[in-house]
Amino acid sequence: MGGAPESHTGWTFITNHARVLAAIADNQNARVRDIAAHCRLTERAVQKIISDLEESGYLSHTREGRGNAYQIEPGSPLRHPAEAGLTVTSLLGLLARVDGHHPTRPGGTDRQAVDDS
């Protein structure tokens, strides 16, 4: 998948933050470029989303060579009051079930289970 991301108008059910988090759950060593291609976002947008997720405590990273290894905080509660009691693990589990029949997963491996410990 190359070039600019496909444009989309109108609303969607899943936020870009959830898409990026799910892509990282697929491959915790993914490059920003690969995450952007998978989510059909710009690299700049993905960098901003990763920064948001890190600042809010949902994600951290360590430098490994020339890349990053991301660590998701699975027990972090979702932000909206309507999702009180639900965690990142709940969200990723739902996305994994829905995405299980997704045709191809560019830049990622099979979705890794996230432990809620």
N, C-alpha and C. Protein backbone atom coordinates (compact mmCIF):
# COMPACT_ATOMS: atom_id res chain seq x y z
N MET A 1 0.87 -1.17 0.00
CA MET A 1 0.00 0.00 0.00
C MET A 1 0.91 1.22 0.00
N GLY A 2 0.83 2.03 -1.02
CA GLY A 2 1.69 3.19 -1.08
C GLY A 2 0.90 4.44 -1.34
N GLY A 3 1.58 5.58 -1.33
CA GLY A 3 0.94 6.84 -1.61
C GLY A 3 0.15 7.37 -0.45
N ALA A 4 -0.69 8.35 -0.77
CA ALA A 4 -1.50 9.01 0.26
C ALA A 4 -2.64 8.11 0.69
N PRO A 5 -3.03 8.20 1.95
CA PRO A 5 -4.16 7.40 2.42
C PRO A 5 -5.43 7.76 1.65
N GLU A 6 -6.31 6.77 1.49
CA GLU A 6 -7.58 7.02 0.82
C GLU A 6 -8.40 7.98 1.66
N SER A 7 -9.06 8.92 1.00
CA SER A 7 -9.87 9.87 1.76
C SER A 7 -11.19 9.22 2.16
N HIS A 8 -11.77 9.72 3.22
CA HIS A 8 -13.04 9.21 3.70
C HIS A 8 -13.86 10.38 4.20
N THR A 9 -15.12 10.40 3.83
CA THR A 9 -16.00 11.44 4.34
C THR A 9 -17.06 10.78 5.21
N GLY A 10 -17.58 11.54 6.13
CA GLY A 10 -18.61 11.02 7.01
C GLY A 10 -18.01 10.42 8.27
N TRP A 11 -18.86 9.92 9.11
CA TRP A 11 -18.43 9.39 10.40
C TRP A 11 -18.12 7.90 10.28
N THR A 12 -17.40 7.40 11.28
CA THR A 12 -17.09 5.98 11.34
C THR A 12 -17.36 5.48 12.76
N PHE A 13 -17.47 4.19 12.93
CA PHE A 13 -17.74 3.61 14.24
C PHE A 13 -16.50 3.54 15.12
N ILE A 14 -15.34 3.40 14.53
CA ILE A 14 -14.11 3.21 15.29
C ILE A 14 -13.22 4.44 15.12
N THR A 15 -12.71 4.95 16.24
CA THR A 15 -11.85 6.14 16.18
C THR A 15 -10.47 5.78 15.65
N ASN A 16 -9.76 6.78 15.19
CA ASN A 16 -8.39 6.56 14.74
C ASN A 16 -7.49 6.13 15.89
N HIS A 17 -7.77 6.61 17.09
CA HIS A 17 -6.99 6.18 18.26
C HIS A 17 -7.15 4.68 18.49
N ALA A 18 -8.38 4.18 18.36
CA ALA A 18 -8.61 2.74 18.52
C ALA A 18 -7.95 1.95 17.40
N ARG A 19 -7.99 2.47 16.18
CA ARG A 19 -7.33 1.80 15.06
C ARG A 19 -5.83 1.68 15.29
N VAL A 20 -5.20 2.76 15.73
CA VAL A 20 -3.76 2.75 15.97
C VAL A 20 -3.43 1.80 17.11
N LEU A 21 -4.19 1.83 18.18
CA LEU A 21 -3.95 0.93 19.30
C LEU A 21 -4.08 -0.53 18.86
N ALA A 22 -5.08 -0.84 18.05
CA ALA A 22 -5.26 -2.20 17.55
C ALA A 22 -4.11 -2.61 16.64
N ALA A 23 -3.62 -1.69 15.82
CA ALA A 23 -2.48 -2.00 14.95
C ALA A 23 -1.24 -2.30 15.77
N ILE A 24 -1.04 -1.56 16.85
CA ILE A 24 0.10 -1.81 17.73
C ILE A 24 -0.08 -3.14 18.45
N ALA A 25 -1.31 -3.48 18.83
CA ALA A 25 -1.55 -4.79 19.46
C ALA A 25 -1.21 -5.92 18.48
N ASP A 26 -1.42 -5.69 17.20
CA ASP A 26 -1.06 -6.68 16.17
C ASP A 26 0.44 -6.88 16.08
N ASN A 27 1.17 -5.78 16.19
CA ASN A 27 2.63 -5.84 16.01
C ASN A 27 3.25 -4.73 16.86
N GLN A 28 3.74 -5.11 18.03
CA GLN A 28 4.26 -4.12 18.97
C GLN A 28 5.60 -3.53 18.53
N ASN A 29 6.16 -4.03 17.44
CA ASN A 29 7.40 -3.47 16.90
C ASN A 29 7.16 -2.77 15.56
N ALA A 30 5.90 -2.50 15.24
CA ALA A 30 5.57 -1.88 13.96
C ALA A 30 6.16 -0.48 13.87
N ARG A 31 6.56 -0.12 12.67
CA ARG A 31 7.03 1.24 12.41
C ARG A 31 5.82 2.15 12.20
N VAL A 32 6.00 3.42 12.50
CA VAL A 32 4.93 4.40 12.29
C VAL A 32 4.44 4.33 10.85
N ARG A 33 5.35 4.17 9.92
CA ARG A 33 4.99 4.08 8.50
C ARG A 33 4.03 2.91 8.26
N ASP A 34 4.30 1.76 8.87
CA ASP A 34 3.45 0.58 8.69
C ASP A 34 2.09 0.76 9.37
N ILE A 35 2.10 1.37 10.55
CA ILE A 35 0.84 1.64 11.25
C ILE A 35 -0.02 2.59 10.41
N ALA A 36 0.60 3.63 9.87
CA ALA A 36 -0.12 4.60 9.05
C ALA A 36 -0.74 3.92 7.82
N ALA A 37 0.02 3.05 7.17
CA ALA A 37 -0.50 2.35 5.99
C ALA A 37 -1.66 1.43 6.38
N HIS A 38 -1.50 0.71 7.47
CA HIS A 38 -2.54 -0.21 7.93
C HIS A 38 -3.83 0.54 8.28
N CYS A 39 -3.69 1.67 8.95
CA CYS A 39 -4.86 2.44 9.41
C CYS A 39 -5.34 3.44 8.37
N ARG A 40 -4.60 3.57 7.28
CA ARG A 40 -4.92 4.54 6.22
C ARG A 40 -4.95 5.96 6.76
N LEU A 41 -3.90 6.27 7.52
CA LEU A 41 -3.69 7.60 8.08
C LEU A 41 -2.34 8.11 7.62
N THR A 42 -2.09 9.38 7.83
CA THR A 42 -0.76 9.91 7.55
C THR A 42 0.18 9.54 8.71
N GLU A 43 1.46 9.51 8.42
CA GLU A 43 2.44 9.22 9.47
C GLU A 43 2.37 10.28 10.56
N ARG A 44 2.17 11.52 10.18
CA ARG A 44 2.06 12.60 11.17
C ARG A 44 0.88 12.37 12.10
N ALA A 45 -0.26 11.95 11.55
CA ALA A 45 -1.45 11.68 12.37
C ALA A 45 -1.17 10.54 13.35
N VAL A 46 -0.49 9.49 12.87
CA VAL A 46 -0.16 8.36 13.74
C VAL A 46 0.78 8.79 14.85
N GLN A 47 1.78 9.61 14.52
CA GLN A 47 2.71 10.10 15.56
C GLN A 47 1.96 10.87 16.63
N LYS A 48 0.99 11.69 16.23
CA LYS A 48 0.20 12.47 17.19
C LYS A 48 -0.66 11.54 18.05
N ILE A 49 -1.26 10.55 17.45
CA ILE A 49 -2.10 9.61 18.19
C ILE A 49 -1.26 8.81 19.18
N ILE A 50 -0.09 8.35 18.76
CA ILE A 50 0.80 7.63 19.68
C ILE A 50 1.18 8.53 20.85
N SER A 51 1.47 9.78 20.56
CA SER A 51 1.79 10.74 21.62
C SER A 51 0.62 10.90 22.59
N ASP A 52 -0.60 11.03 22.05
CA ASP A 52 -1.80 11.13 22.89
C ASP A 52 -1.93 9.90 23.79
N LEU A 53 -1.78 8.72 23.20
CA LEU A 53 -1.93 7.47 23.95
C LEU A 53 -0.86 7.34 25.04
N GLU A 54 0.36 7.78 24.74
CA GLU A 54 1.43 7.73 25.74
C GLU A 54 1.17 8.73 26.86
N GLU A 55 0.79 9.95 26.51
CA GLU A 55 0.52 10.97 27.53
C GLU A 55 -0.62 10.57 28.47
N SER A 56 -1.57 9.79 27.96
CA SER A 56 -2.71 9.35 28.76
C SER A 56 -2.46 8.03 29.48
N GLY A 57 -1.29 7.44 29.30
CA GLY A 57 -0.93 6.22 30.02
C GLY A 57 -1.42 4.92 29.40
N TYR A 58 -1.91 4.96 28.18
CA TYR A 58 -2.39 3.75 27.52
C TYR A 58 -1.26 2.99 26.82
N LEU A 59 -0.16 3.64 26.59
CA LEU A 59 0.90 3.10 25.77
C LEU A 59 2.23 3.66 26.24
N SER A 60 3.27 2.86 26.13
CA SER A 60 4.64 3.35 26.35
C SER A 60 5.52 2.68 25.29
N HIS A 61 6.74 3.16 25.18
CA HIS A 61 7.64 2.53 24.22
C HIS A 61 9.07 2.56 24.74
N THR A 62 9.84 1.63 24.24
CA THR A 62 11.28 1.62 24.48
C THR A 62 11.96 1.56 23.13
N ARG A 63 13.11 2.16 23.08
CA ARG A 63 13.88 2.19 21.84
C ARG A 63 14.59 0.85 21.68
N GLU A 64 14.46 0.22 20.53
CA GLU A 64 15.16 -1.02 20.22
C GLU A 64 15.84 -0.84 18.88
N GLY A 65 17.15 -0.60 18.93
CA GLY A 65 17.89 -0.34 17.70
C GLY A 65 17.40 0.94 17.06
N ARG A 66 16.97 0.83 15.81
CA ARG A 66 16.46 2.00 15.09
C ARG A 66 14.95 2.14 15.21
N GLY A 67 14.30 1.20 15.90
CA GLY A 67 12.84 1.24 16.01
C GLY A 67 12.37 1.33 17.44
N ASN A 68 11.09 1.20 17.62
CA ASN A 68 10.46 1.24 18.94
C ASN A 68 9.74 -0.08 19.21
N ALA A 69 9.71 -0.45 20.47
CA ALA A 69 8.88 -1.56 20.92
C ALA A 69 7.82 -0.94 21.82
N TYR A 70 6.57 -1.10 21.46
CA TYR A 70 5.47 -0.50 22.20
C TYR A 70 4.93 -1.47 23.24
N GLN A 71 4.49 -0.94 24.35
CA GLN A 71 3.87 -1.72 25.42
C GLN A 71 2.52 -1.10 25.71
N ILE A 72 1.47 -1.89 25.54
CA ILE A 72 0.11 -1.43 25.82
C ILE A 72 -0.19 -1.70 27.29
N GLU A 73 -0.85 -0.77 27.94
CA GLU A 73 -1.28 -0.93 29.34
C GLU A 73 -2.70 -1.50 29.31
N PRO A 74 -2.84 -2.82 29.35
CA PRO A 74 -4.13 -3.47 29.12
C PRO A 74 -5.20 -3.17 30.16
N GLY A 75 -4.83 -2.87 31.38
CA GLY A 75 -5.82 -2.63 32.43
C GLY A 75 -6.31 -1.20 32.49
N SER A 76 -5.81 -0.34 31.61
CA SER A 76 -6.24 1.07 31.62
C SER A 76 -7.71 1.18 31.26
N PRO A 77 -8.46 1.94 32.06
CA PRO A 77 -9.89 2.09 31.77
C PRO A 77 -10.12 2.98 30.55
N LEU A 78 -11.19 2.70 29.81
CA LEU A 78 -11.55 3.55 28.69
C LEU A 78 -12.02 4.90 29.23
N ARG A 79 -11.91 5.94 28.41
CA ARG A 79 -12.06 7.30 28.89
C ARG A 79 -13.50 7.78 29.06
N HIS A 80 -14.40 7.33 28.25
CA HIS A 80 -15.76 7.88 28.25
C HIS A 80 -16.58 7.27 29.39
N PRO A 81 -17.38 8.09 30.09
CA PRO A 81 -18.19 7.57 31.20
C PRO A 81 -19.13 6.43 30.79
N ALA A 82 -19.56 6.40 29.54
CA ALA A 82 -20.45 5.33 29.08
C ALA A 82 -19.75 3.98 29.06
N GLU A 83 -18.41 3.99 29.04
CA GLU A 83 -17.64 2.75 29.04
C GLU A 83 -17.03 2.48 30.42
N ALA A 84 -17.63 3.03 31.45
CA ALA A 84 -17.11 2.84 32.81
C ALA A 84 -16.96 1.35 33.09
N GLY A 85 -15.82 0.97 33.61
CA GLY A 85 -15.56 -0.42 33.94
C GLY A 85 -14.92 -1.22 32.82
N LEU A 86 -14.91 -0.70 31.61
CA LEU A 86 -14.27 -1.39 30.50
C LEU A 86 -12.82 -0.95 30.39
N THR A 87 -11.97 -1.88 29.96
CA THR A 87 -10.54 -1.59 29.85
C THR A 87 -10.07 -1.70 28.40
N VAL A 88 -8.83 -1.36 28.19
CA VAL A 88 -8.21 -1.49 26.87
C VAL A 88 -8.31 -2.95 26.40
N THR A 89 -8.17 -3.89 27.32
CA THR A 89 -8.29 -5.30 26.96
C THR A 89 -9.66 -5.59 26.37
N SER A 90 -10.72 -5.01 26.95
CA SER A 90 -12.08 -5.20 26.44
C SER A 90 -12.19 -4.68 25.01
N LEU A 91 -11.66 -3.50 24.78
CA LEU A 91 -11.70 -2.90 23.46
C LEU A 91 -10.95 -3.74 22.44
N LEU A 92 -9.72 -4.14 22.78
CA LEU A 92 -8.92 -4.91 21.84
C LEU A 92 -9.53 -6.28 21.59
N GLY A 93 -10.15 -6.86 22.61
CA GLY A 93 -10.82 -8.14 22.42
C GLY A 93 -11.97 -8.03 21.45
N LEU A 94 -12.75 -6.98 21.56
CA LEU A 94 -13.86 -6.75 20.65
C LEU A 94 -13.35 -6.52 19.23
N LEU A 95 -12.34 -5.69 19.09
CA LEU A 95 -11.78 -5.43 17.76
C LEU A 95 -11.19 -6.69 17.15
N ALA A 96 -10.58 -7.55 17.95
CA ALA A 96 -9.99 -8.78 17.44
C ALA A 96 -11.08 -9.71 16.91
N ARG A 97 -12.21 -9.80 17.61
CA ARG A 97 -13.31 -10.64 17.15
C ARG A 97 -13.91 -10.10 15.86
N VAL A 98 -14.12 -8.80 15.80
CA VAL A 98 -14.70 -8.19 14.61
C VAL A 98 -13.74 -8.28 13.44
N ASP A 99 -12.46 -8.10 13.71
CA ASP A 99 -11.44 -8.06 12.67
C ASP A 99 -10.95 -9.45 12.29
N GLY A 100 -11.43 -10.49 12.92
CA GLY A 100 -10.95 -11.84 12.66
C GLY A 100 -11.14 -12.29 11.22
N HIS A 101 -12.11 -11.73 10.53
CA HIS A 101 -12.34 -12.10 9.14
C HIS A 101 -11.87 -11.02 8.17
N HIS A 102 -11.09 -10.06 8.67
CA HIS A 102 -10.54 -9.00 7.82
C HIS A 102 -9.63 -9.64 6.77
N PRO A 103 -9.75 -9.28 5.49
CA PRO A 103 -9.03 -9.98 4.43
C PRO A 103 -7.52 -10.05 4.60
N THR A 104 -6.86 -8.94 4.74
CA THR A 104 -5.41 -8.95 4.93
C THR A 104 -5.02 -7.97 6.00
N ARG A 105 -3.90 -8.22 6.63
CA ARG A 105 -3.43 -7.37 7.71
C ARG A 105 -2.03 -6.88 7.33
N PRO A 106 -1.92 -5.83 6.49
CA PRO A 106 -0.60 -5.37 6.07
C PRO A 106 0.23 -4.89 7.24
N GLY A 107 1.48 -5.29 7.25
CA GLY A 107 2.43 -4.79 8.25
C GLY A 107 2.28 -5.40 9.62
N GLY A 108 1.40 -6.36 9.82
CA GLY A 108 1.20 -6.91 11.15
C GLY A 108 1.19 -8.41 11.14
N THR A 109 1.16 -8.98 12.31
CA THR A 109 1.05 -10.41 12.46
C THR A 109 -0.32 -10.69 13.02
N ASP A 110 -0.61 -11.93 13.30
CA ASP A 110 -1.89 -12.23 13.94
C ASP A 110 -1.99 -11.45 15.22
N ARG A 111 -3.19 -11.00 15.53
CA ARG A 111 -3.41 -10.20 16.73
C ARG A 111 -2.97 -10.98 17.95
N GLN A 112 -2.15 -10.33 18.78
CA GLN A 112 -1.65 -10.96 19.99
C GLN A 112 -2.66 -10.75 21.10
N ALA A 113 -2.81 -11.76 21.93
CA ALA A 113 -3.69 -11.64 23.07
C ALA A 113 -3.07 -10.66 24.06
N VAL A 114 -3.89 -9.83 24.65
CA VAL A 114 -3.41 -8.87 25.65
C VAL A 114 -3.90 -9.36 27.01
N ASP A 115 -2.98 -9.59 27.91
CA ASP A 115 -3.30 -10.11 29.23
C ASP A 115 -3.75 -8.97 30.13
N ASP A 116 -4.83 -9.15 30.85
CA ASP A 116 -5.37 -8.12 31.72
C ASP A 116 -4.85 -8.25 33.15
N SER A 117 -3.58 -8.61 33.28
CA SER A 117 -3.02 -8.75 34.63
C SER A 117 -2.36 -7.48 35.10
